[in-house]
Amino acid sequence: MVNAVRDACATWGFFQIVNHGVPLAIMEDMTESKRRFHEQPQEAKMEWYSRDFSCKVNYYSSGDIKGRAKPVPAEWRDTLSCRAVDDQWDFDAVPELCRREMKEYIKNMIDLQEKLSELMSEALGLSKDHLSSTG
């Protein structure tokens, strides 16, 4: 696997991960929980409405329609964005409607990140923990 990662990065500059070990049920639960959030009445979602991206959780609409170099048609979409602060997740800040699913999904993403960091470190000829130790 290390050689496959090395070759893909050297030849193409990227690679796609398939059979990554994240259970399908966890991915489906995450998708369904986000759907439940977005299907709520607008008033129920307003607690998280903010374009202050220093917040741990943001709900906002339409992406960035201002400040573009060239005018483009507005992309109308609603987004629920959650972020870690200093690599620490505050799941209590996440809407309860999708908190459990997000916590499980993020746990799996962190495990995948650790595996990828090891593979890429080895592909670069470094110690297995090199990339993960740099944060």
Protein backbone atom coordinates (compact mmCIF):
# COMPACT_ATOMS: atom_id res chain seq x y z
CA MET A 1 0.00 0.00 0.00
CA VAL A 2 2.89 2.36 0.78
CA ASN A 3 4.23 1.90 -2.77
CA ALA A 4 0.77 2.51 -4.27
CA VAL A 5 0.43 5.77 -2.33
CA ARG A 6 3.97 6.85 -3.31
CA ASP A 7 3.37 6.06 -6.99
CA ALA A 8 -0.01 7.81 -7.10
CA CYS A 9 1.38 10.95 -5.47
CA ALA A 10 4.47 11.02 -7.68
CA THR A 11 2.60 10.26 -10.91
CA TRP A 12 -0.73 12.04 -10.43
CA GLY A 13 -0.34 14.26 -7.37
CA PHE A 14 -3.39 12.75 -5.67
CA PHE A 15 -5.20 9.48 -5.02
CA GLN A 16 -8.70 8.28 -4.25
CA ILE A 17 -9.45 6.16 -1.23
CA VAL A 18 -11.84 3.24 -1.68
CA ASN A 19 -12.57 0.50 0.84
CA HIS A 20 -11.33 2.91 3.51
CA GLY A 21 -12.79 1.00 6.44
CA VAL A 22 -15.40 3.55 7.47
CA PRO A 23 -18.54 1.46 7.85
CA LEU A 24 -21.27 2.25 5.34
CA ALA A 25 -23.82 2.44 8.18
CA ILE A 26 -21.85 5.27 9.82
CA MET A 27 -21.69 7.23 6.55
CA GLU A 28 -25.41 6.67 5.93
CA ASP A 29 -26.30 7.66 9.51
CA MET A 30 -24.29 10.87 9.12
CA THR A 31 -26.04 11.71 5.85
CA GLU A 32 -29.46 10.99 7.34
CA SER A 33 -28.78 13.10 10.44
CA LYS A 34 -27.77 16.07 8.29
CA ARG A 35 -30.92 15.58 6.22
CA ARG A 36 -33.01 15.65 9.43
CA PHE A 37 -31.33 18.91 10.42
CA HIS A 38 -31.99 20.57 7.06
CA GLU A 39 -35.59 19.36 6.92
CA GLN A 40 -36.49 21.15 10.17
CA PRO A 41 -38.51 24.35 10.02
CA GLN A 42 -36.31 27.41 9.43
CA GLU A 43 -36.98 28.71 12.96
CA ALA A 44 -35.48 25.55 14.50
CA LYS A 45 -32.21 26.03 12.60
CA MET A 46 -31.77 29.73 13.40
CA GLU A 47 -29.93 29.01 16.68
CA TRP A 48 -26.91 28.11 14.54
CA TYR A 49 -27.34 30.72 11.81
CA SER A 50 -24.14 32.77 11.55
CA ARG A 51 -21.53 33.88 9.06
CA ASP A 52 -19.03 34.26 11.90
CA PHE A 53 -16.74 31.39 10.95
CA SER A 54 -14.86 31.54 14.22
CA CYS A 55 -17.91 29.77 15.70
CA LYS A 56 -17.68 26.01 16.18
CA VAL A 57 -20.98 25.46 14.38
CA ASN A 58 -22.49 27.56 11.59
CA TYR A 59 -25.64 27.25 9.59
CA TYR A 60 -25.74 29.55 6.58
CA SER A 61 -27.19 29.86 3.11
CA SER A 62 -25.83 30.54 -0.37
CA GLY A 63 -22.09 30.20 0.20
CA ASP A 64 -19.97 33.18 -0.78
CA ILE A 65 -21.89 35.40 -3.20
CA LYS A 66 -19.96 38.58 -2.33
CA GLY A 67 -16.38 39.48 -3.04
CA ARG A 68 -15.92 37.37 -6.17
CA ALA A 69 -13.67 38.67 -8.91
CA LYS A 70 -16.40 38.11 -11.51
CA PRO A 71 -20.15 38.09 -11.03
CA VAL A 72 -21.58 34.57 -11.10
CA PRO A 73 -25.07 33.26 -10.48
CA ALA A 74 -25.71 32.74 -6.80
CA GLU A 75 -25.35 29.18 -5.58
CA TRP A 76 -28.35 28.71 -3.34
CA ARG A 77 -27.61 26.07 -0.77
CA ASP A 78 -27.89 25.64 2.96
CA THR A 79 -24.82 24.48 4.86
CA LEU A 80 -24.26 23.18 8.37
CA SER A 81 -20.57 23.59 9.12
CA CYS A 82 -18.83 22.23 12.21
CA ARG A 83 -15.17 22.63 13.06
CA ALA A 84 -12.63 21.63 15.63
CA VAL A 85 -10.72 24.28 17.53
CA ASP A 86 -7.08 23.37 18.12
CA ASP A 87 -7.88 19.80 17.04
CA GLN A 88 -10.51 19.52 19.78
CA TRP A 89 -14.12 18.77 18.93
CA ASP A 90 -16.89 20.19 21.10
CA PHE A 91 -19.75 17.88 20.23
CA ASP A 92 -22.03 19.62 22.72
CA ALA A 93 -22.01 22.60 20.32
CA VAL A 94 -23.38 20.40 17.49
CA PRO A 95 -27.16 20.30 17.07
CA GLU A 96 -28.54 17.44 19.14
CA LEU A 97 -30.37 16.15 16.06
CA CYS A 98 -27.05 15.03 14.52
CA ARG A 99 -24.63 15.05 17.47
CA ARG A 100 -24.31 11.27 18.01
CA GLU A 101 -23.87 10.56 14.30
CA MET A 102 -21.32 13.32 13.85
CA LYS A 103 -19.31 12.15 16.85
CA GLU A 104 -19.12 8.60 15.45
CA TYR A 105 -18.32 9.84 11.94
CA ILE A 106 -15.55 12.17 13.13
CA LYS A 107 -14.06 9.36 15.24
CA ASN A 108 -13.82 7.26 12.07
CA MET A 109 -12.39 10.17 10.06
CA ILE A 110 -9.68 10.70 12.70
CA ASP A 111 -8.81 6.98 12.55
CA LEU A 112 -8.60 7.21 8.77
CA GLN A 113 -6.44 10.34 9.01
CA GLU A 114 -4.04 8.51 11.32
CA LYS A 115 -3.76 5.56 8.91
CA LEU A 116 -3.18 7.90 5.97
CA SER A 117 -0.56 9.88 7.90
CA GLU A 118 1.32 6.65 8.58
CA LEU A 119 1.14 5.54 4.95
CA MET A 120 2.22 8.91 3.59
CA SER A 121 5.05 9.19 6.14
CA GLU A 122 6.36 5.81 5.08
CA ALA A 123 5.93 6.69 1.39
CA LEU A 124 8.15 9.73 2.02
CA GLY A 125 10.76 7.54 3.71
CA LEU A 126 10.04 9.01 7.15
CA SER A 127 9.15 7.34 10.43
CA LYS A 128 5.55 6.12 10.58
CA ASP A 129 4.54 8.77 13.12
CA HIS A 130 6.29 11.71 11.45
CA LEU A 131 3.28 13.46 9.87
CA SER A 132 0.91 12.76 12.75
CA SER A 133 3.44 14.12 15.24
CA THR A 134 3.66 17.42 13.35
CA GLY A 135 -0.07 18.00 13.75
